[in-house]
Amino acid sequence: MTLQEETMEHEKDRRCELLKTLESFADFAQEEMCGECLPCMLGTEQTIELFKRLTRGEGQERDLELLEVLSIWVKETARCKKGRKAAEVLADSLLKREEYEEHALEKRCPARACSNLVHYRIIPEKCTMCGLCKEVCPQGAIFGEEYIPYLADNEPYYIKASKCDNCGLCLPVCEANAIELI
């Protein structure tokens, strides 16, 4: 297994609760929803949009309250078992309130799985300027030059956030632990 495959496998293991529930609702909307009752159609659509906002870092505390109301409303008004079951999945997920609050209020993902809420940074004091991180970066988001002993103006590497896709491939190759998540 390559380093990239190992990293991708690790990413699957640390999926956050919001992404799991979002995926569940997206699957429900595409494959299981019959489309015959309004509560399911509107509730599912609005729930998916709220989850997308939360995982993009655009959520607010009001969104959490709205998700709770939606879970109750759909559960009580859906005509079919599938719709009520989807509302139960949402209600069960909302029991992990701390994770939702971290997404909405602190704009961070504790599982480090929501790419818009995770950013990488190279700690200049720790960087040994070996260049391994730059070599594995598929986006070319890491800039700098390898350390040259006889030069006095060696600059440590840095990550350009606008180019970084938060793949995390740089983390395992940095032996100096100079890359941190913020």
C-alpha atoms as a PDB file:
ATOM      1  CA  MET A   1       0.000   0.000   0.000  1.00  0.00           C
ATOM      2  CA  THR A   2       1.394   3.394  -0.992  1.00  0.00           C
ATOM      3  CA  LEU A   3       1.713   6.322   1.394  1.00  0.00           C
ATOM      4  CA  GLN A   4      -1.142   8.103  -0.365  1.00  0.00           C
ATOM      5  CA  GLU A   5      -3.437   5.054  -0.016  1.00  0.00           C
ATOM      6  CA  GLU A   6      -2.562   4.768   3.681  1.00  0.00           C
ATOM      7  CA  THR A   7      -3.379   8.432   4.207  1.00  0.00           C
ATOM      8  CA  MET A   8      -6.697   8.077   2.379  1.00  0.00           C
ATOM      9  CA  GLU A   9      -7.551   5.023   4.490  1.00  0.00           C
ATOM     10  CA  HIS A  10      -6.707   6.993   7.636  1.00  0.00           C
ATOM     11  CA  GLU A  11      -8.987   9.819   6.441  1.00  0.00           C
ATOM     12  CA  LYS A  12     -11.910   7.367   6.178  1.00  0.00           C
ATOM     13  CA  ASP A  13     -11.381   6.267   9.780  1.00  0.00           C
ATOM     14  CA  ARG A  14     -11.597   9.765  11.162  1.00  0.00           C
ATOM     15  CA  ARG A  15     -14.755  10.946   9.414  1.00  0.00           C
ATOM     16  CA  CYS A  16     -16.743  13.392  11.458  1.00  0.00           C
ATOM     17  CA  GLU A  17     -20.306  12.882  12.590  1.00  0.00           C
ATOM     18  CA  LEU A  18     -21.590  15.696  10.388  1.00  0.00           C
ATOM     19  CA  LEU A  19     -20.082  14.218   7.238  1.00  0.00           C
ATOM     20  CA  LYS A  20     -21.477  10.784   8.072  1.00  0.00           C
ATOM     21  CA  THR A  21     -24.965  12.200   8.566  1.00  0.00           C
ATOM     22  CA  LEU A  22     -24.703  14.381   5.464  1.00  0.00           C
ATOM     23  CA  GLU A  23     -23.739  11.326   3.417  1.00  0.00           C
ATOM     24  CA  SER A  24     -26.635   9.372   4.916  1.00  0.00           C
ATOM     25  CA  PHE A  25     -29.123  12.109   3.982  1.00  0.00           C
ATOM     26  CA  ALA A  26     -27.685  12.493   0.485  1.00  0.00           C
ATOM     27  CA  ASP A  27     -28.034   8.735  -0.070  1.00  0.00           C
ATOM     28  CA  PHE A  28     -31.587   8.848   1.294  1.00  0.00           C
ATOM     29  CA  ALA A  29     -32.490  11.739  -1.023  1.00  0.00           C
ATOM     30  CA  GLN A  30     -31.119   9.982  -4.100  1.00  0.00           C
ATOM     31  CA  GLU A  31     -32.055   6.359  -3.519  1.00  0.00           C
ATOM     32  CA  GLU A  32     -34.696   5.830  -0.859  1.00  0.00           C
ATOM     33  CA  MET A  33     -36.974   8.848  -0.708  1.00  0.00           C
ATOM     34  CA  CYS A  34     -40.261   8.173  -2.468  1.00  0.00           C
ATOM     35  CA  GLY A  35     -40.942  11.875  -3.089  1.00  0.00           C
ATOM     36  CA  GLU A  36     -44.634  11.617  -2.249  1.00  0.00           C
ATOM     37  CA  CYS A  37     -44.731  13.585   0.984  1.00  0.00           C
ATOM     38  CA  LEU A  38     -43.707  17.182   1.428  1.00  0.00           C
ATOM     39  CA  PRO A  39     -42.029  16.831   4.852  1.00  0.00           C
ATOM     40  CA  CYS A  40     -39.451  14.389   3.517  1.00  0.00           C
ATOM     41  CA  MET A  41     -38.701  16.377   0.398  1.00  0.00           C
ATOM     42  CA  LEU A  42     -38.404  19.762   2.083  1.00  0.00           C
ATOM     43  CA  GLY A  43     -36.877  18.475   5.299  1.00  0.00           C
ATOM     44  CA  THR A  44     -34.226  16.419   3.534  1.00  0.00           C
ATOM     45  CA  GLU A  45     -33.316  19.236   1.160  1.00  0.00           C
ATOM     46  CA  GLN A  46     -33.021  21.761   3.978  1.00  0.00           C
ATOM     47  CA  THR A  47     -31.091  19.326   6.199  1.00  0.00           C
ATOM     48  CA  ILE A  48     -28.558  18.662   3.448  1.00  0.00           C
ATOM     49  CA  GLU A  49     -28.073  22.394   2.872  1.00  0.00           C
ATOM     50  CA  LEU A  50     -27.568  23.023   6.614  1.00  0.00           C
ATOM     51  CA  PHE A  51     -24.995  20.228   6.832  1.00  0.00           C
ATOM     52  CA  LYS A  52     -23.139  21.606   3.828  1.00  0.00           C
ATOM     53  CA  ARG A  53     -22.992  25.032   5.464  1.00  0.00           C
ATOM     54  CA  LEU A  54     -21.709  23.557   8.720  1.00  0.00           C
ATOM     55  CA  THR A  55     -19.000  21.489   7.022  1.00  0.00           C
ATOM     56  CA  ARG A  56     -17.893  24.482   4.922  1.00  0.00           C
ATOM     57  CA  GLY A  57     -17.430  26.590   8.055  1.00  0.00           C
ATOM     58  CA  GLU A  58     -20.405  28.841   7.298  1.00  0.00           C
ATOM     59  CA  GLY A  59     -22.717  27.480   9.998  1.00  0.00           C
ATOM     60  CA  GLN A  60     -24.233  29.386  12.896  1.00  0.00           C
ATOM     61  CA  GLU A  61     -25.833  28.436  16.189  1.00  0.00           C
ATOM     62  CA  ARG A  62     -29.236  29.032  14.609  1.00  0.00           C
ATOM     63  CA  ASP A  63     -28.504  26.186  12.163  1.00  0.00           C
ATOM     64  CA  LEU A  64     -28.187  23.729  15.055  1.00  0.00           C
ATOM     65  CA  GLU A  65     -31.573  24.773  16.398  1.00  0.00           C
ATOM     66  CA  LEU A  66     -33.055  24.448  12.920  1.00  0.00           C
ATOM     67  CA  LEU A  67     -31.662  20.908  12.553  1.00  0.00           C
ATOM     68  CA  GLU A  68     -33.302  19.917  15.841  1.00  0.00           C
ATOM     69  CA  VAL A  69     -36.636  21.359  14.708  1.00  0.00           C
ATOM     70  CA  LEU A  70     -36.342  19.582  11.345  1.00  0.00           C
ATOM     71  CA  SER A  71     -35.631  16.227  12.979  1.00  0.00           C
ATOM     72  CA  ILE A  72     -38.768  16.517  15.114  1.00  0.00           C
ATOM     73  CA  TRP A  73     -40.941  17.927  12.315  1.00  0.00           C
ATOM     74  CA  VAL A  74     -40.018  15.275   9.743  1.00  0.00           C
ATOM     75  CA  LYS A  75     -40.322  12.461  12.271  1.00  0.00           C
ATOM     76  CA  GLU A  76     -43.839  13.579  13.239  1.00  0.00           C
ATOM     77  CA  THR A  77     -45.150  14.436   9.771  1.00  0.00           C
ATOM     78  CA  ALA A  78     -43.528  11.988   7.344  1.00  0.00           C
ATOM     79  CA  ARG A  79     -45.957   9.492   5.837  1.00  0.00           C
ATOM     80  CA  CYS A  80     -43.539   6.617   5.351  1.00  0.00           C
ATOM     81  CA  LYS A  81     -41.198   4.616   7.560  1.00  0.00           C
ATOM     82  CA  LYS A  82     -38.179   5.639   5.524  1.00  0.00           C
ATOM     83  CA  GLY A  83     -38.788   9.334   6.150  1.00  0.00           C
ATOM     84  CA  ARG A  84     -39.267   8.778   9.880  1.00  0.00           C
ATOM     85  CA  LYS A  85     -36.116   6.647   9.963  1.00  0.00           C
ATOM     86  CA  ALA A  86     -34.119   9.427   8.270  1.00  0.00           C
ATOM     87  CA  ALA A  87     -35.374  11.878  10.900  1.00  0.00           C
ATOM     88  CA  GLU A  88     -34.282   9.454  13.641  1.00  0.00           C
ATOM     89  CA  VAL A  89     -30.798   9.261  12.119  1.00  0.00           C
ATOM     90  CA  LEU A  90     -30.630  13.054  12.306  1.00  0.00           C
ATOM     91  CA  ALA A  91     -31.921  13.137  15.884  1.00  0.00           C
ATOM     92  CA  ASP A  92     -29.388  10.491  16.967  1.00  0.00           C
ATOM     93  CA  SER A  93     -26.581  12.421  15.296  1.00  0.00           C
ATOM     94  CA  LEU A  94     -27.620  15.618  17.080  1.00  0.00           C
ATOM     95  CA  LEU A  95     -26.966  13.912  20.421  1.00  0.00           C
ATOM     96  CA  LYS A  96     -23.281  14.582  19.708  1.00  0.00           C
ATOM     97  CA  ARG A  97     -23.963  18.291  20.190  1.00  0.00           C
ATOM     98  CA  GLU A  98     -20.357  19.199  21.042  1.00  0.00           C
ATOM     99  CA  GLU A  99     -19.157  18.273  17.558  1.00  0.00           C
ATOM    100  CA  TYR A 100     -21.926  20.320  15.953  1.00  0.00           C
ATOM    101  CA  GLU A 101     -21.083  23.304  18.151  1.00  0.00           C
ATOM    102  CA  GLU A 102     -17.416  23.081  17.233  1.00  0.00           C
ATOM    103  CA  HIS A 103     -18.355  23.233  13.553  1.00  0.00           C
ATOM    104  CA  ALA A 104     -20.864  26.069  13.949  1.00  0.00           C
ATOM    105  CA  LEU A 105     -19.341  28.226  16.676  1.00  0.00           C
ATOM    106  CA  GLU A 106     -15.610  27.532  16.613  1.00  0.00           C
ATOM    107  CA  LYS A 107     -15.397  26.854  12.852  1.00  0.00           C
ATOM    108  CA  ARG A 108     -13.302  23.738  13.346  1.00  0.00           C
ATOM    109  CA  CYS A 109     -13.755  20.024  12.770  1.00  0.00           C
ATOM    110  CA  PRO A 110     -12.531  17.928  15.721  1.00  0.00           C
ATOM    111  CA  ALA A 111     -12.128  14.897  13.443  1.00  0.00           C
ATOM    112  CA  ARG A 112     -10.097  17.047  11.013  1.00  0.00           C
ATOM    113  CA  ALA A 113     -12.184  15.672   8.177  1.00  0.00           C
ATOM    114  CA  CYS A 114     -13.988  18.783   6.884  1.00  0.00           C
ATOM    115  CA  SER A 115     -11.427  20.220   4.497  1.00  0.00           C
ATOM    116  CA  ASN A 116     -12.724  23.797   4.736  1.00  0.00           C
ATOM    117  CA  LEU A 117     -12.213  23.748   8.498  1.00  0.00           C
ATOM    118  CA  VAL A 118      -8.693  22.284   8.469  1.00  0.00           C
ATOM    119  CA  HIS A 119      -5.565  24.159   7.470  1.00  0.00           C
ATOM    120  CA  TYR A 120      -1.951  23.077   7.493  1.00  0.00           C
ATOM    121  CA  ARG A 121       0.980  25.235   8.537  1.00  0.00           C
ATOM    122  CA  ILE A 122       4.716  24.648   8.710  1.00  0.00           C
ATOM    123  CA  ILE A 123       6.260  25.770  11.989  1.00  0.00           C
ATOM    124  CA  PRO A 124       9.365  27.683  10.840  1.00  0.00           C
ATOM    125  CA  GLU A 125      11.353  27.000  14.018  1.00  0.00           C
ATOM    126  CA  LYS A 126      10.926  23.242  13.608  1.00  0.00           C
ATOM    127  CA  CYS A 127      11.385  23.018   9.835  1.00  0.00           C
ATOM    128  CA  THR A 128      14.667  21.327   8.895  1.00  0.00           C
ATOM    129  CA  MET A 129      14.205  22.336   5.235  1.00  0.00           C
ATOM    130  CA  CYS A 130      14.615  18.741   4.038  1.00  0.00           C
ATOM    131  CA  GLY A 131      12.091  19.160   1.203  1.00  0.00           C
ATOM    132  CA  LEU A 132      10.199  15.889   1.718  1.00  0.00           C
ATOM    133  CA  CYS A 133       6.894  17.686   2.245  1.00  0.00           C
ATOM    134  CA  LYS A 134       7.327  19.612  -0.995  1.00  0.00           C
ATOM    135  CA  GLU A 135       8.045  16.396  -2.883  1.00  0.00           C
ATOM    136  CA  VAL A 136       4.804  14.672  -1.816  1.00  0.00           C
ATOM    137  CA  CYS A 137       2.496  17.689  -2.210  1.00  0.00           C
ATOM    138  CA  PRO A 138       0.300  16.933  -5.256  1.00  0.00           C
ATOM    139  CA  GLN A 139      -0.959  20.538  -5.465  1.00  0.00           C
ATOM    140  CA  GLY A 140       2.435  22.251  -5.346  1.00  0.00           C
ATOM    141  CA  ALA A 141       1.266  24.242  -2.324  1.00  0.00           C
ATOM    142  CA  ILE A 142       4.551  24.015  -0.406  1.00  0.00           C
ATOM    143  CA  PHE A 143       7.197  26.575  -1.210  1.00  0.00           C
ATOM    144  CA  GLY A 144      10.813  26.988  -0.185  1.00  0.00           C
ATOM    145  CA  GLU A 145      14.259  25.634  -0.948  1.00  0.00           C
ATOM    146  CA  GLU A 146      16.234  22.827   0.647  1.00  0.00           C
ATOM    147  CA  TYR A 147      18.753  23.768   3.297  1.00  0.00           C
ATOM    148  CA  ILE A 148      22.164  24.748   1.970  1.00  0.00           C
ATOM    149  CA  PRO A 149      24.764  24.778   4.785  1.00  0.00           C
ATOM    150  CA  TYR A 150      26.961  27.586   3.473  1.00  0.00           C
ATOM    151  CA  LEU A 151      24.122  30.078   2.915  1.00  0.00           C
ATOM    152  CA  ALA A 152      23.083  32.423   5.687  1.00  0.00           C
ATOM    153  CA  ASP A 153      19.655  33.278   4.291  1.00  0.00           C
ATOM    154  CA  ASN A 154      17.992  29.848   4.192  1.00  0.00           C
ATOM    155  CA  GLU A 155      14.239  30.275   4.473  1.00  0.00           C
ATOM    156  CA  PRO A 156      12.035  27.497   5.891  1.00  0.00           C
ATOM    157  CA  TYR A 157       9.247  26.016   3.836  1.00  0.00           C
ATOM    158  CA  TYR A 158       5.709  27.367   3.994  1.00  0.00           C
ATOM    159  CA  ILE A 159       2.297  26.243   2.766  1.00  0.00           C
ATOM    160  CA  LYS A 160       0.260  28.518   0.543  1.00  0.00           C
ATOM    161  CA  ALA A 161      -3.279  28.008   1.875  1.00  0.00           C
ATOM    162  CA  SER A 162      -5.012  28.971  -1.369  1.00  0.00           C
ATOM    163  CA  LYS A 163      -3.304  26.096  -3.219  1.00  0.00           C
ATOM    164  CA  CYS A 164      -3.496  23.489  -0.428  1.00  0.00           C
ATOM    165  CA  ASP A 165      -6.338  20.956  -0.774  1.00  0.00           C
ATOM    166  CA  ASN A 166      -5.769  19.628   2.770  1.00  0.00           C
ATOM    167  CA  CYS A 167      -4.890  16.118   1.599  1.00  0.00           C
ATOM    168  CA  GLY A 168      -2.548  15.614   4.573  1.00  0.00           C
ATOM    169  CA  LEU A 169       0.160  13.810   2.613  1.00  0.00           C
ATOM    170  CA  CYS A 170       2.803  16.136   4.038  1.00  0.00           C
ATOM    171  CA  LEU A 171       2.130  15.180   7.668  1.00  0.00           C
ATOM    172  CA  PRO A 172       3.553  11.645   7.726  1.00  0.00           C
ATOM    173  CA  VAL A 173       6.709  12.534   5.772  1.00  0.00           C
ATOM    174  CA  CYS A 174       7.793  15.368   8.071  1.00  0.00           C
ATOM    175  CA  GLU A 175      10.233  13.741  10.470  1.00  0.00           C
ATOM    176  CA  ALA A 176      10.667  16.988  12.429  1.00  0.00           C
ATOM    177  CA  ASN A 177       6.912  17.258  13.131  1.00  0.00           C
ATOM    178  CA  ALA A 178       7.056  20.792  11.750  1.00  0.00           C
ATOM    179  CA  ILE A 179       3.636  20.614  10.099  1.00  0.00           C
ATOM    180  CA  GLU A 180       0.608  21.318  12.231  1.00  0.00           C
ATOM    181  CA  LEU A 181      -3.122  21.477  11.708  1.00  0.00           C
ATOM    182  CA  ILE A 182      -4.819  24.741  12.568  1.00  0.00           C
END
